[in-house]
PDB file of N, CA and C in Angstrom:
ATOM      1  N   UNK A   1      98.466-110.529 101.040  1.00  0.00           N
ATOM      2  CA  UNK A   1      97.725-110.061 102.179  1.00  0.00           C
ATOM      3  C   UNK A   1      98.433-110.552 103.427  1.00  0.00           C
ATOM      4  N   UNK A   2      98.608-109.727 104.355  1.00  0.00           N
ATOM      5  CA  UNK A   2      99.281-110.089 105.614  1.00  0.00           C
ATOM      6  C   UNK A   2      98.225-110.771 106.587  1.00  0.00           C
ATOM      7  N   UNK A   3      98.647-111.972 107.148  1.00  0.00           N
ATOM      8  CA  UNK A   3      97.725-112.578 108.088  1.00  0.00           C
ATOM      9  C   UNK A   3      97.785-111.797 109.369  1.00  0.00           C
ATOM     10  N   UNK A   4      96.616-111.334 109.867  1.00  0.00           N
ATOM     11  CA  UNK A   4      96.602-110.491 111.040  1.00  0.00           C
ATOM     12  C   UNK A   4      95.792-111.048 112.192  1.00  0.00           C
ATOM     13  N   UNK A   5      95.450-112.376 112.129  1.00  0.00           N
ATOM     14  CA  UNK A   5      94.653-112.995 113.180  1.00  0.00           C
ATOM     15  C   UNK A   5      95.290-112.860 114.609  1.00  0.00           C
ATOM     16  N   UNK A   6      96.492-113.353 114.754  1.00  0.00           N
ATOM     17  CA  UNK A   6      97.234-113.288 116.031  1.00  0.00           C
ATOM     18  C   UNK A   6      97.496-111.877 116.492  1.00  0.00           C
ATOM     19  N   UNK A   7      97.812-110.990 115.508  1.00  0.00           N
ATOM     20  CA  UNK A   7      98.137-109.624 115.832  1.00  0.00           C
ATOM     21  C   UNK A   7      96.929-108.905 116.401  1.00  0.00           C
ATOM     22  N   UNK A   8      95.738-109.131 115.803  1.00  0.00           N
ATOM     23  CA  UNK A   8      94.609-108.495 116.292  1.00  0.00           C
ATOM     24  C   UNK A   8      94.142-108.992 117.572  1.00  0.00           C
ATOM     25  N   UNK A   9      94.386-110.221 117.902  1.00  0.00           N
ATOM     26  CA  UNK A   9      94.157-110.805 119.228  1.00  0.00           C
ATOM     27  C   UNK A   9      95.067-110.110 120.286  1.00  0.00           C
ATOM     28  N   UNK A  10      96.273-109.920 119.954  1.00  0.00           N
ATOM     29  CA  UNK A  10      97.183-109.234 120.865  1.00  0.00           C
ATOM     30  C   UNK A  10      96.699-107.819 121.090  1.00  0.00           C
ATOM     31  N   UNK A  11      96.318-107.091 120.033  1.00  0.00           N
ATOM     32  CA  UNK A  11      95.866-105.747 120.169  1.00  0.00           C
ATOM     33  C   UNK A  11      94.574-105.697 121.050  1.00  0.00           C
ATOM     34  N   UNK A  12      93.700-106.639 120.876  1.00  0.00           N
ATOM     35  CA  UNK A  12      92.580-106.735 121.736  1.00  0.00           C
ATOM     36  C   UNK A  12      92.905-106.920 123.207  1.00  0.00           C
ATOM     37  N   UNK A  13      93.857-107.762 123.453  1.00  0.00           N
ATOM     38  CA  UNK A  13      94.295-107.959 124.865  1.00  0.00           C
ATOM     39  C   UNK A  13      94.933-106.719 125.410  1.00  0.00           C
ATOM     40  N   UNK A  14      95.661-105.968 124.551  1.00  0.00           N
ATOM     41  CA  UNK A  14      96.245-104.723 124.989  1.00  0.00           C
ATOM     42  C   UNK A  14      95.154-103.729 125.438  1.00  0.00           C
ATOM     43  N   UNK A  15      94.123-103.752 124.618  1.00  0.00           N
ATOM     44  CA  UNK A  15      92.971-102.821 124.932  1.00  0.00           C
ATOM     45  C   UNK A  15      92.296-103.246 126.264  1.00  0.00           C
ATOM     46  N   UNK A  16      92.083-104.471 126.473  1.00  0.00           N
ATOM     47  CA  UNK A  16      91.551-105.021 127.655  1.00  0.00           C
ATOM     48  C   UNK A  16      92.378-104.663 128.903  1.00  0.00           C
ATOM     49  N   UNK A  17      93.727-104.802 128.808  1.00  0.00           N
ATOM     50  CA  UNK A  17      94.617-104.548 129.885  1.00  0.00           C
ATOM     51  C   UNK A  17      94.596-103.059 130.192  1.00  0.00           C
ATOM     52  N   UNK A  18      94.564-102.181 129.144  1.00  0.00           N
ATOM     53  CA  UNK A  18      94.465-100.748 129.319  1.00  0.00           C
ATOM     54  C   UNK A  18      93.229-100.408 130.123  1.00  0.00           C
ATOM     55  N   UNK A  19      92.144-100.964 129.601  1.00  0.00           N
ATOM     56  CA  UNK A  19      90.796-100.746 130.359  1.00  0.00           C
ATOM     57  C   UNK A  19      90.846-101.090 131.775  1.00  0.00           C
ATOM     58  N   UNK A  20      91.546-102.231 132.053  1.00  0.00           N
ATOM     59  CA  UNK A  20      91.653-102.709 133.417  1.00  0.00           C
ATOM     60  C   UNK A  20      92.354-101.797 134.322  1.00  0.00           C
ATOM     61  N   UNK A  21      93.251-100.890 133.835  1.00  0.00           N
ATOM     62  CA  UNK A  21      93.964 -99.924 134.680  1.00  0.00           C
ATOM     63  C   UNK A  21      93.350 -98.580 134.509  1.00  0.00           C
ATOM     64  N   UNK A  22      92.206 -98.461 133.931  1.00  0.00           N
ATOM     65  CA  UNK A  22      91.458 -97.256 133.888  1.00  0.00           C
ATOM     66  C   UNK A  22      91.638 -96.323 132.662  1.00  0.00           C
ATOM     67  N   UNK A  23      92.263 -96.876 131.604  1.00  0.00           N
ATOM     68  CA  UNK A  23      92.507 -96.118 130.362  1.00  0.00           C
ATOM     69  C   UNK A  23      91.364 -96.436 129.392  1.00  0.00           C
ATOM     70  N   UNK A  24      91.044 -95.473 128.594  1.00  0.00           N
ATOM     71  CA  UNK A  24      90.110 -95.744 127.524  1.00  0.00           C
ATOM     72  C   UNK A  24      90.947 -95.965 126.221  1.00  0.00           C
ATOM     73  N   UNK A  25      90.469 -96.761 125.304  1.00  0.00           N
ATOM     74  CA  UNK A  25      91.230 -97.103 124.091  1.00  0.00           C
ATOM     75  C   UNK A  25      90.345 -96.958 122.852  1.00  0.00           C
ATOM     76  N   UNK A  26      91.001 -96.787 121.748  1.00  0.00           N
ATOM     77  CA  UNK A  26      90.269 -96.789 120.471  1.00  0.00           C
ATOM     78  C   UNK A  26      91.203 -97.332 119.397  1.00  0.00           C
ATOM     79  N   UNK A  27      90.643 -98.300 118.657  1.00  0.00           N
ATOM     80  CA  UNK A  27      91.424 -99.007 117.603  1.00  0.00           C
ATOM     81  C   UNK A  27      91.200 -98.136 116.293  1.00  0.00           C
ATOM     82  N   UNK A  28      92.350 -97.978 115.630  1.00  0.00           N
ATOM     83  CA  UNK A  28      92.276 -97.303 114.308  1.00  0.00           C
ATOM     84  C   UNK A  28      93.088 -98.135 113.351  1.00  0.00           C
ATOM     85  N   UNK A  29      92.443 -98.646 112.337  1.00  0.00           N
ATOM     86  CA  UNK A  29      93.137 -99.475 111.362  1.00  0.00           C
ATOM     87  C   UNK A  29      94.128 -98.737 110.459  1.00  0.00           C
ATOM     88  N   UNK A  30      95.091 -99.464 109.972  1.00  0.00           N
ATOM     89  CA  UNK A  30      96.077 -98.952 109.036  1.00  0.00           C
ATOM     90  C   UNK A  30      95.580 -99.247 107.597  1.00  0.00           C
ATOM     91  N   UNK A  31      95.320 -98.233 106.871  1.00  0.00           N
ATOM     92  CA  UNK A  31      94.812 -98.485 105.420  1.00  0.00           C
ATOM     93  C   UNK A  31      95.910 -98.639 104.484  1.00  0.00           C
ATOM     94  N   UNK A  32      97.044 -97.919 104.684  1.00  0.00           N
ATOM     95  CA  UNK A  32      98.230 -97.942 103.685  1.00  0.00           C
ATOM     96  C   UNK A  32      99.446 -98.286 104.459  1.00  0.00           C
ATOM     97  N   UNK A  33      99.767 -99.561 104.453  1.00  0.00           N
ATOM     98  CA  UNK A  33     100.948-100.013 105.202  1.00  0.00           C
ATOM     99  C   UNK A  33     102.242 -99.375 104.721  1.00  0.00           C
ATOM    100  N   UNK A  34     102.466 -99.256 103.464  1.00  0.00           N
ATOM    101  CA  UNK A  34     103.717 -98.610 102.979  1.00  0.00           C
ATOM    102  C   UNK A  34     103.829 -97.182 103.348  1.00  0.00           C
ATOM    103  N   UNK A  35     102.733 -96.429 103.327  1.00  0.00           N
ATOM    104  CA  UNK A  35     102.757 -95.083 103.737  1.00  0.00           C
ATOM    105  C   UNK A  35     103.007 -94.897 105.180  1.00  0.00           C
ATOM    106  N   UNK A  36     102.412 -95.809 106.000  1.00  0.00           N
ATOM    107  CA  UNK A  36     102.605 -95.770 107.467  1.00  0.00           C
ATOM    108  C   UNK A  36     104.060 -96.131 107.816  1.00  0.00           C
ATOM    109  N   UNK A  37     104.546 -97.109 107.102  1.00  0.00           N
ATOM    110  CA  UNK A  37     106.030 -97.467 107.276  1.00  0.00           C
ATOM    111  C   UNK A  37     106.914 -96.254 107.006  1.00  0.00           C
ATOM    112  N   UNK A  38     106.624 -95.559 105.949  1.00  0.00           N
ATOM    113  CA  UNK A  38     107.381 -94.368 105.545  1.00  0.00           C
ATOM    114  C   UNK A  38     107.332 -93.257 106.592  1.00  0.00           C
ATOM    115  N   UNK A  39     106.065 -92.929 106.970  1.00  0.00           N
ATOM    116  CA  UNK A  39     105.812 -91.820 107.850  1.00  0.00           C
ATOM    117  C   UNK A  39     106.525 -92.070 109.284  1.00  0.00           C
ATOM    118  N   UNK A  40     106.442 -93.325 109.734  1.00  0.00           N
ATOM    119  CA  UNK A  40     107.021 -93.636 111.057  1.00  0.00           C
ATOM    120  C   UNK A  40     108.397 -94.246 110.927  1.00  0.00           C
ATOM    121  N   UNK A  41     108.960 -94.244 109.782  1.00  0.00           N
ATOM    122  CA  UNK A  41     110.395 -94.641 109.551  1.00  0.00           C
ATOM    123  C   UNK A  41     110.604 -96.124 110.054  1.00  0.00           C
ATOM    124  N   UNK A  42     109.651 -97.009 109.614  1.00  0.00           N
ATOM    125  CA  UNK A  42     109.723 -98.379 110.102  1.00  0.00           C
ATOM    126  C   UNK A  42     110.454 -99.177 109.046  1.00  0.00           C
ATOM    127  N   UNK A  43     111.092-100.209 109.454  1.00  0.00           N
ATOM    128  CA  UNK A  43     111.792-101.188 108.594  1.00  0.00           C
ATOM    129  C   UNK A  43     110.751-101.914 107.696  1.00  0.00           C
ATOM    130  N   UNK A  44     111.159-102.381 106.525  1.00  0.00           N
ATOM    131  CA  UNK A  44     110.283-103.022 105.612  1.00  0.00           C
ATOM    132  C   UNK A  44     109.667-104.325 106.176  1.00  0.00           C
ATOM    133  N   UNK A  45     110.316-104.906 107.201  1.00  0.00           N
ATOM    134  CA  UNK A  45     109.736-106.203 107.687  1.00  0.00           C
ATOM    135  C   UNK A  45     108.805-105.933 108.843  1.00  0.00           C
ATOM    136  N   UNK A  46     108.532-104.697 109.148  1.00  0.00           N
ATOM    137  CA  UNK A  46     107.533-104.340 110.200  1.00  0.00           C
ATOM    138  C   UNK A  46     106.259-103.837 109.516  1.00  0.00           C
ATOM    139  N   UNK A  47     105.157-104.612 109.790  1.00  0.00           N
ATOM    140  CA  UNK A  47     103.882-104.301 109.105  1.00  0.00           C
ATOM    141  C   UNK A  47     102.901-103.779 110.133  1.00  0.00           C
ATOM    142  N   UNK A  48     102.737-102.538 110.194  1.00  0.00           N
ATOM    143  CA  UNK A  48     101.726-101.977 111.135  1.00  0.00           C
ATOM    144  C   UNK A  48     100.332-102.361 110.786  1.00  0.00           C
ATOM    145  N   UNK A  49      99.488-102.802 111.709  1.00  0.00           N
ATOM    146  CA  UNK A  49      98.138-103.211 111.406  1.00  0.00           C
ATOM    147  C   UNK A  49      97.140-102.290 112.020  1.00  0.00           C
ATOM    148  N   UNK A  50      97.525-101.618 113.074  1.00  0.00           N
ATOM    149  CA  UNK A  50      96.554-100.734 113.749  1.00  0.00           C
ATOM    150  C   UNK A  50      97.280 -99.725 114.668  1.00  0.00           C
ATOM    151  N   UNK A  51      96.648 -98.655 115.038  1.00  0.00           N
ATOM    152  CA  UNK A  51      97.018 -97.740 116.077  1.00  0.00           C
ATOM    153  C   UNK A  51      96.097 -97.905 117.228  1.00  0.00           C
ATOM    154  N   UNK A  52      96.630 -97.927 118.466  1.00  0.00           N
ATOM    155  CA  UNK A  52      95.764 -97.962 119.626  1.00  0.00           C
ATOM    156  C   UNK A  52      95.980 -96.644 120.362  1.00  0.00           C
ATOM    157  N   UNK A  53      94.906 -95.828 120.324  1.00  0.00           N
ATOM    158  CA  UNK A  53      94.873 -94.618 121.109  1.00  0.00           C
ATOM    159  C   UNK A  53      94.596 -94.923 122.503  1.00  0.00           C
ATOM    160  N   UNK A  54      95.350 -94.408 123.428  1.00  0.00           N
ATOM    161  CA  UNK A  54      95.173 -94.644 124.868  1.00  0.00           C
ATOM    162  C   UNK A  54      95.061 -93.364 125.575  1.00  0.00           C
ATOM    163  N   UNK A  55      94.201 -93.273 126.534  1.00  0.00           N
ATOM    164  CA  UNK A  55      94.089 -92.018 127.343  1.00  0.00           C
ATOM    165  C   UNK A  55      93.024 -92.172 128.414  1.00  0.00           C
ATOM    166  N   UNK A  56      92.993 -91.108 129.250  1.00  0.00           N
ATOM    167  CA  UNK A  56      91.999 -91.015 130.292  1.00  0.00           C
ATOM    168  C   UNK A  56      90.784 -90.243 129.802  1.00  0.00           C
ATOM    169  N   UNK A  57      89.654 -90.720 130.084  1.00  0.00           N
ATOM    170  CA  UNK A  57      88.382 -90.085 129.639  1.00  0.00           C
ATOM    171  C   UNK A  57      88.258 -88.729 130.367  1.00  0.00           C
ATOM    172  N   UNK A  58      87.825 -87.758 129.680  1.00  0.00           N
ATOM    173  CA  UNK A  58      87.639 -86.377 130.197  1.00  0.00           C
ATOM    174  C   UNK A  58      86.416 -86.433 131.260  1.00  0.00           C
ATOM    175  N   UNK A  59      86.553 -85.681 132.230  1.00  0.00           N
ATOM    176  CA  UNK A  59      85.452 -85.612 133.274  1.00  0.00           C
ATOM    177  C   UNK A  59      84.145 -85.176 132.622  1.00  0.00           C
ATOM    178  N   UNK A  60      84.222 -84.278 131.533  1.00  0.00           N
ATOM    179  CA  UNK A  60      82.991 -83.851 130.956  1.00  0.00           C
ATOM    180  C   UNK A  60      82.654 -84.643 129.648  1.00  0.00           C
ATOM    181  N   UNK A  61      83.127 -85.879 129.588  1.00  0.00           N
ATOM    182  CA  UNK A  61      82.860 -86.727 128.393  1.00  0.00           C
ATOM    183  C   UNK A  61      81.380 -86.871 128.251  1.00  0.00           C
ATOM    184  N   UNK A  62      80.923 -86.742 126.983  1.00  0.00           N
ATOM    185  CA  UNK A  62      79.560 -86.979 126.617  1.00  0.00           C
ATOM    186  C   UNK A  62      79.485 -88.047 125.609  1.00  0.00           C
ATOM    187  N   UNK A  63      78.762 -89.121 125.877  1.00  0.00           N
ATOM    188  CA  UNK A  63      78.593 -90.192 124.968  1.00  0.00           C
ATOM    189  C   UNK A  63      77.975 -89.776 123.659  1.00  0.00           C
ATOM    190  N   UNK A  64      78.329 -90.414 122.554  1.00  0.00           N
ATOM    191  CA  UNK A  64      77.705 -90.125 121.304  1.00  0.00           C
ATOM    192  C   UNK A  64      76.255 -90.581 121.303  1.00  0.00           C
ATOM    193  N   UNK A  65      75.907 -91.438 122.243  1.00  0.00           N
ATOM    194  CA  UNK A  65      74.483 -91.851 122.376  1.00  0.00           C
ATOM    195  C   UNK A  65      73.643 -90.779 123.030  1.00  0.00           C
ATOM    196  N   UNK A  66      74.325 -89.805 123.703  1.00  0.00           N
ATOM    197  CA  UNK A  66      73.472 -88.804 124.400  1.00  0.00           C
ATOM    198  C   UNK A  66      72.684 -89.507 125.531  1.00  0.00           C
ATOM    199  N   UNK A  67      71.453 -89.211 125.696  1.00  0.00           N
ATOM    200  CA  UNK A  67      70.598 -89.816 126.709  1.00  0.00           C
ATOM    201  C   UNK A  67      69.957 -91.073 126.218  1.00  0.00           C
ATOM    202  N   UNK A  68      70.245 -91.441 124.966  1.00  0.00           N
ATOM    203  CA  UNK A  68      69.569 -92.623 124.382  1.00  0.00           C
ATOM    204  C   UNK A  68      70.103 -93.929 125.095  1.00  0.00           C
ATOM    205  N   UNK A  69      69.244 -94.868 125.209  1.00  0.00           N
ATOM    206  CA  UNK A  69      69.622 -96.182 125.706  1.00  0.00           C
ATOM    207  C   UNK A  69      69.989 -97.115 124.562  1.00  0.00           C
ATOM    208  N   UNK A  70      70.929 -97.971 124.818  1.00  0.00           N
ATOM    209  CA  UNK A  70      71.295 -98.973 123.844  1.00  0.00           C
ATOM    210  C   UNK A  70      70.176 -99.956 123.620  1.00  0.00           C
ATOM    211  N   UNK A  71      70.056-100.447 122.445  1.00  0.00           N
ATOM    212  CA  UNK A  71      69.147-101.539 122.151  1.00  0.00           C
ATOM    213  C   UNK A  71      69.629-102.757 122.804  1.00  0.00           C
ATOM    214  N   UNK A  72      68.650-103.611 123.273  1.00  0.00           N
ATOM    215  CA  UNK A  72      69.080-104.879 123.897  1.00  0.00           C
ATOM    216  C   UNK A  72      69.544-105.783 122.774  1.00  0.00           C
ATOM    217  N   UNK A  73      70.391-106.752 123.184  1.00  0.00           N
ATOM    218  CA  UNK A  73      70.862-107.715 122.211  1.00  0.00           C
ATOM    219  C   UNK A  73      69.710-108.538 121.649  1.00  0.00           C
ATOM    220  N   UNK A  74      68.736-108.829 122.447  1.00  0.00           N
ATOM    221  CA  UNK A  74      67.565-109.634 122.019  1.00  0.00           C
ATOM    222  C   UNK A  74      66.823-108.923 120.855  1.00  0.00           C
ATOM    223  N   UNK A  75      66.825-107.594 120.887  1.00  0.00           N
ATOM    224  CA  UNK A  75      66.106-106.824 119.805  1.00  0.00           C
ATOM    225  C   UNK A  75      66.957-106.804 118.515  1.00  0.00           C
ATOM    226  N   UNK A  76      68.204-107.165 118.585  1.00  0.00           N
ATOM    227  CA  UNK A  76      69.047-107.059 117.396  1.00  0.00           C
ATOM    228  C   UNK A  76      69.450-108.397 116.801  1.00  0.00           C
ATOM    229  N   UNK A  77      69.417-109.540 117.664  1.00  0.00           N
ATOM    230  CA  UNK A  77      69.843-110.791 117.242  1.00  0.00           C
ATOM    231  C   UNK A  77      68.715-111.801 117.109  1.00  0.00           C
ATOM    232  N   UNK A  78      68.721-112.485 116.017  1.00  0.00           N
ATOM    233  CA  UNK A  78      67.734-113.486 115.807  1.00  0.00           C
ATOM    234  C   UNK A  78      68.435-114.787 115.454  1.00  0.00           C
ATOM    235  N   UNK A  79      68.401-115.718 116.368  1.00  0.00           N
ATOM    236  CA  UNK A  79      69.031-117.034 116.175  1.00  0.00           C
ATOM    237  C   UNK A  79      68.073-117.956 115.425  1.00  0.00           C
ATOM    238  N   UNK A  80      68.581-118.426 114.276  1.00  0.00           N
ATOM    239  CA  UNK A  80      67.776-119.291 113.436  1.00  0.00           C
ATOM    240  C   UNK A  80      67.983-120.771 113.780  1.00  0.00           C
TER     241      UNK A  80
END
């Protein structure tokens, strides 16, 4: 198993930086490292862990939530 702690932190910071300049992002995990290496012609010592989709939100973007409001954190978290 490849250790991905530092790599995922870097990806998260990349997403935050993109958001800071007005881009939307979406993380997509890599399920098959060997197949991804083959498709993208990567060297064997390069282990892709995720794809980061970057782009500008469409003017007519509609949230998957529709008109629904998000639940408050208090309604979902119970600290014991």
